[in-house]
Amino acid sequence: MNLSARELRDAFWWQWGITPAQYRRCVRLDCVHKDLRDPGLERASIADIARRWALPPTARFHRWYQSRFGEWPGETRRYARHH
């Protein structure tokens, strides 16, 4: 099955209500979220973890993260350390 970029974007939008780029970002944010809760990665900085998943360690990344999980990356890390 061959789809144009527009057909793929439209299919994503119809099925999930997001674009392929938004889907990819959500998957990457989920990976960051998992890593921030991983005790084995406690010494890695939030910026390093974001870069590991090809996300820019910028204010925009923090807003995306907060929007997806309802908390800031540092809050996720602090909560994981205490539980």
N, C-alpha and C. Protein backbone atom coordinates (compact mmCIF):
# COMPACT_ATOMS: atom_id res chain seq x y z
N MET A 1 0.84 -1.18 0.00
CA MET A 1 0.00 0.00 0.00
C MET A 1 0.89 1.24 0.00
N ASN A 2 0.74 2.07 -0.99
CA ASN A 2 1.51 3.30 -1.08
C ASN A 2 0.63 4.48 -0.70
N LEU A 3 1.09 5.26 0.28
CA LEU A 3 0.38 6.46 0.70
C LEU A 3 1.27 7.67 0.51
N SER A 4 0.68 8.76 0.10
CA SER A 4 1.44 10.01 0.06
C SER A 4 1.57 10.52 1.50
N ALA A 5 2.46 11.48 1.70
CA ALA A 5 2.63 12.06 3.03
C ALA A 5 1.31 12.66 3.52
N ARG A 6 0.60 13.30 2.65
CA ARG A 6 -0.68 13.90 3.03
C ARG A 6 -1.71 12.84 3.41
N GLU A 7 -1.77 11.76 2.63
CA GLU A 7 -2.71 10.67 2.94
C GLU A 7 -2.37 10.04 4.29
N LEU A 8 -1.08 9.87 4.57
CA LEU A 8 -0.67 9.31 5.87
C LEU A 8 -1.08 10.24 7.00
N ARG A 9 -0.80 11.54 6.83
CA ARG A 9 -1.18 12.51 7.86
C ARG A 9 -2.69 12.51 8.08
N ASP A 10 -3.45 12.48 7.00
CA ASP A 10 -4.91 12.47 7.10
C ASP A 10 -5.42 11.19 7.77
N ALA A 11 -4.77 10.05 7.46
CA ALA A 11 -5.17 8.79 8.09
C ALA A 11 -4.89 8.81 9.59
N PHE A 12 -3.73 9.33 9.97
CA PHE A 12 -3.42 9.47 11.40
C PHE A 12 -4.46 10.35 12.07
N TRP A 13 -4.74 11.48 11.45
CA TRP A 13 -5.69 12.42 12.04
C TRP A 13 -7.05 11.77 12.20
N TRP A 14 -7.50 11.05 11.20
CA TRP A 14 -8.80 10.40 11.25
C TRP A 14 -8.83 9.32 12.34
N GLN A 15 -7.78 8.53 12.43
CA GLN A 15 -7.74 7.41 13.38
C GLN A 15 -7.51 7.85 14.82
N TRP A 16 -6.54 8.77 15.02
CA TRP A 16 -6.12 9.10 16.40
C TRP A 16 -6.28 10.57 16.78
N GLY A 17 -6.61 11.40 15.80
CA GLY A 17 -6.79 12.82 16.09
C GLY A 17 -5.49 13.58 16.28
N ILE A 18 -4.37 13.01 15.80
CA ILE A 18 -3.07 13.67 15.87
C ILE A 18 -2.32 13.40 14.58
N THR A 19 -1.28 14.18 14.36
CA THR A 19 -0.44 13.99 13.18
C THR A 19 0.64 12.94 13.47
N PRO A 20 1.28 12.41 12.45
CA PRO A 20 2.39 11.47 12.69
C PRO A 20 3.49 12.09 13.55
N ALA A 21 3.78 13.37 13.34
CA ALA A 21 4.82 14.03 14.15
C ALA A 21 4.40 14.11 15.62
N GLN A 22 3.14 14.40 15.87
CA GLN A 22 2.65 14.43 17.26
C GLN A 22 2.71 13.04 17.89
N TYR A 23 2.35 12.02 17.11
CA TYR A 23 2.43 10.65 17.60
C TYR A 23 3.87 10.30 17.98
N ARG A 24 4.81 10.62 17.10
CA ARG A 24 6.23 10.34 17.35
C ARG A 24 6.70 11.07 18.61
N ARG A 25 6.28 12.31 18.78
CA ARG A 25 6.66 13.07 19.97
C ARG A 25 6.08 12.42 21.23
N CYS A 26 4.83 11.96 21.17
CA CYS A 26 4.22 11.30 22.33
C CYS A 26 4.98 10.03 22.71
N VAL A 27 5.37 9.25 21.71
CA VAL A 27 6.14 8.03 21.98
C VAL A 27 7.46 8.39 22.66
N ARG A 28 8.13 9.41 22.15
CA ARG A 28 9.41 9.83 22.73
C ARG A 28 9.22 10.37 24.15
N LEU A 29 8.16 11.15 24.36
CA LEU A 29 7.89 11.65 25.72
C LEU A 29 7.61 10.50 26.68
N ASP A 30 6.90 9.48 26.22
CA ASP A 30 6.66 8.30 27.06
C ASP A 30 7.98 7.64 27.46
N CYS A 31 8.93 7.59 26.52
CA CYS A 31 10.25 7.01 26.82
C CYS A 31 11.00 7.86 27.84
N VAL A 32 10.94 9.18 27.70
CA VAL A 32 11.58 10.07 28.67
C VAL A 32 10.95 9.84 30.04
N HIS A 33 9.64 9.78 30.09
CA HIS A 33 8.92 9.58 31.35
C HIS A 33 9.38 8.30 32.05
N LYS A 34 9.48 7.24 31.25
CA LYS A 34 9.95 5.95 31.80
C LYS A 34 11.37 6.07 32.34
N ASP A 35 12.25 6.72 31.56
CA ASP A 35 13.65 6.86 31.99
C ASP A 35 13.78 7.72 33.25
N LEU A 36 12.96 8.74 33.37
CA LEU A 36 13.04 9.60 34.56
C LEU A 36 12.64 8.85 35.83
N ARG A 37 11.87 7.80 35.69
CA ARG A 37 11.47 6.98 36.85
C ARG A 37 12.40 5.81 37.10
N ASP A 38 13.37 5.61 36.22
CA ASP A 38 14.30 4.48 36.31
C ASP A 38 15.44 4.81 37.28
N PRO A 39 15.55 4.09 38.41
CA PRO A 39 16.63 4.37 39.36
C PRO A 39 18.02 4.20 38.75
N GLY A 40 18.14 3.38 37.74
CA GLY A 40 19.43 3.17 37.10
C GLY A 40 19.90 4.37 36.30
N LEU A 41 18.99 5.29 36.01
CA LEU A 41 19.34 6.49 35.25
C LEU A 41 19.30 7.74 36.12
N GLU A 42 19.34 7.54 37.42
CA GLU A 42 19.23 8.65 38.37
C GLU A 42 20.29 9.72 38.16
N ARG A 43 21.47 9.33 37.73
CA ARG A 43 22.57 10.28 37.57
C ARG A 43 22.52 11.03 36.23
N ALA A 44 21.73 10.54 35.29
CA ALA A 44 21.60 11.23 33.99
C ALA A 44 20.76 12.49 34.18
N SER A 45 21.17 13.55 33.54
CA SER A 45 20.40 14.79 33.64
C SER A 45 19.12 14.67 32.81
N ILE A 46 18.17 15.51 33.12
CA ILE A 46 16.93 15.55 32.34
C ILE A 46 17.26 15.91 30.90
N ALA A 47 18.17 16.85 30.70
CA ALA A 47 18.57 17.24 29.33
C ALA A 47 19.18 16.05 28.58
N ASP A 48 20.02 15.28 29.25
CA ASP A 48 20.63 14.11 28.61
C ASP A 48 19.57 13.09 28.21
N ILE A 49 18.61 12.88 29.08
CA ILE A 49 17.54 11.92 28.77
C ILE A 49 16.69 12.44 27.61
N ALA A 50 16.38 13.71 27.60
CA ALA A 50 15.60 14.28 26.49
C ALA A 50 16.36 14.10 25.18
N ARG A 51 17.65 14.42 25.19
CA ARG A 51 18.46 14.26 23.97
C ARG A 51 18.55 12.80 23.54
N ARG A 52 18.60 11.91 24.51
CA ARG A 52 18.66 10.47 24.20
C ARG A 52 17.48 10.06 23.32
N TRP A 53 16.34 10.70 23.54
CA TRP A 53 15.13 10.37 22.78
C TRP A 53 14.83 11.41 21.70
N ALA A 54 15.86 12.14 21.29
CA ALA A 54 15.78 13.10 20.18
C ALA A 54 14.75 14.20 20.44
N LEU A 55 14.67 14.64 21.67
CA LEU A 55 13.83 15.78 22.02
C LEU A 55 14.74 16.93 22.46
N PRO A 56 14.40 18.14 22.09
CA PRO A 56 15.26 19.27 22.47
C PRO A 56 15.10 19.58 23.95
N PRO A 57 16.20 19.66 24.70
CA PRO A 57 16.09 19.96 26.14
C PRO A 57 15.85 21.45 26.35
N THR A 58 14.69 21.91 25.93
CA THR A 58 14.35 23.33 25.96
C THR A 58 13.05 23.53 26.73
N ALA A 59 12.67 24.78 26.85
CA ALA A 59 11.40 25.10 27.51
C ALA A 59 10.23 24.43 26.78
N ARG A 60 10.34 24.33 25.46
CA ARG A 60 9.27 23.68 24.69
C ARG A 60 9.12 22.22 25.12
N PHE A 61 10.24 21.52 25.26
CA PHE A 61 10.19 20.13 25.73
C PHE A 61 9.49 20.05 27.08
N HIS A 62 9.85 20.95 27.99
CA HIS A 62 9.23 20.93 29.32
C HIS A 62 7.72 21.17 29.24
N ARG A 63 7.29 22.05 28.35
CA ARG A 63 5.85 22.30 28.17
C ARG A 63 5.16 21.07 27.58
N TRP A 64 5.80 20.45 26.58
CA TRP A 64 5.21 19.22 26.01
C TRP A 64 5.06 18.17 27.10
N TYR A 65 6.10 18.01 27.91
CA TYR A 65 6.10 17.00 28.97
C TYR A 65 5.00 17.30 29.97
N GLN A 66 4.92 18.55 30.39
CA GLN A 66 3.92 18.93 31.39
C GLN A 66 2.51 18.72 30.83
N SER A 67 2.32 19.03 29.58
CA SER A 67 1.01 18.85 28.96
C SER A 67 0.63 17.37 28.89
N ARG A 68 1.59 16.51 28.62
CA ARG A 68 1.30 15.07 28.49
C ARG A 68 1.10 14.39 29.83
N PHE A 69 1.90 14.76 30.84
CA PHE A 69 1.88 14.02 32.10
C PHE A 69 1.32 14.80 33.29
N GLY A 70 1.05 16.08 33.11
CA GLY A 70 0.47 16.87 34.19
C GLY A 70 1.47 17.24 35.28
N GLU A 71 2.73 17.07 34.98
CA GLU A 71 3.78 17.45 35.92
C GLU A 71 5.03 17.75 35.11
N TRP A 72 5.97 18.48 35.72
CA TRP A 72 7.23 18.82 35.07
C TRP A 72 8.20 17.65 35.18
N PRO A 73 9.16 17.52 34.28
CA PRO A 73 10.11 16.41 34.34
C PRO A 73 10.80 16.29 35.70
N GLY A 74 11.18 17.40 36.30
CA GLY A 74 11.82 17.35 37.61
C GLY A 74 10.91 16.79 38.69
N GLU A 75 9.62 17.04 38.57
CA GLU A 75 8.67 16.49 39.54
C GLU A 75 8.59 14.97 39.40
N THR A 76 8.60 14.49 38.17
CA THR A 76 8.58 13.04 37.94
C THR A 76 9.79 12.40 38.60
N ARG A 77 10.95 13.01 38.39
CA ARG A 77 12.19 12.47 38.95
C ARG A 77 12.14 12.50 40.48
N ARG A 78 11.74 13.62 41.07
CA ARG A 78 11.67 13.72 42.54
C ARG A 78 10.70 12.69 43.12
N TYR A 79 9.55 12.55 42.47
CA TYR A 79 8.56 11.59 42.96
C TYR A 79 9.11 10.17 42.89
N ALA A 80 9.80 9.84 41.81
CA ALA A 80 10.38 8.49 41.65
C ALA A 80 11.44 8.22 42.73
N ARG A 81 12.20 9.22 43.10
CA ARG A 81 13.24 9.03 44.12
C ARG A 81 12.65 8.74 45.48
N HIS A 82 11.47 9.24 45.75
CA HIS A 82 10.87 9.10 47.08
C HIS A 82 9.87 7.97 47.17
N HIS A 83 9.69 7.24 46.08
CA HIS A 83 8.72 6.13 46.12
C HIS A 83 9.27 4.88 45.49
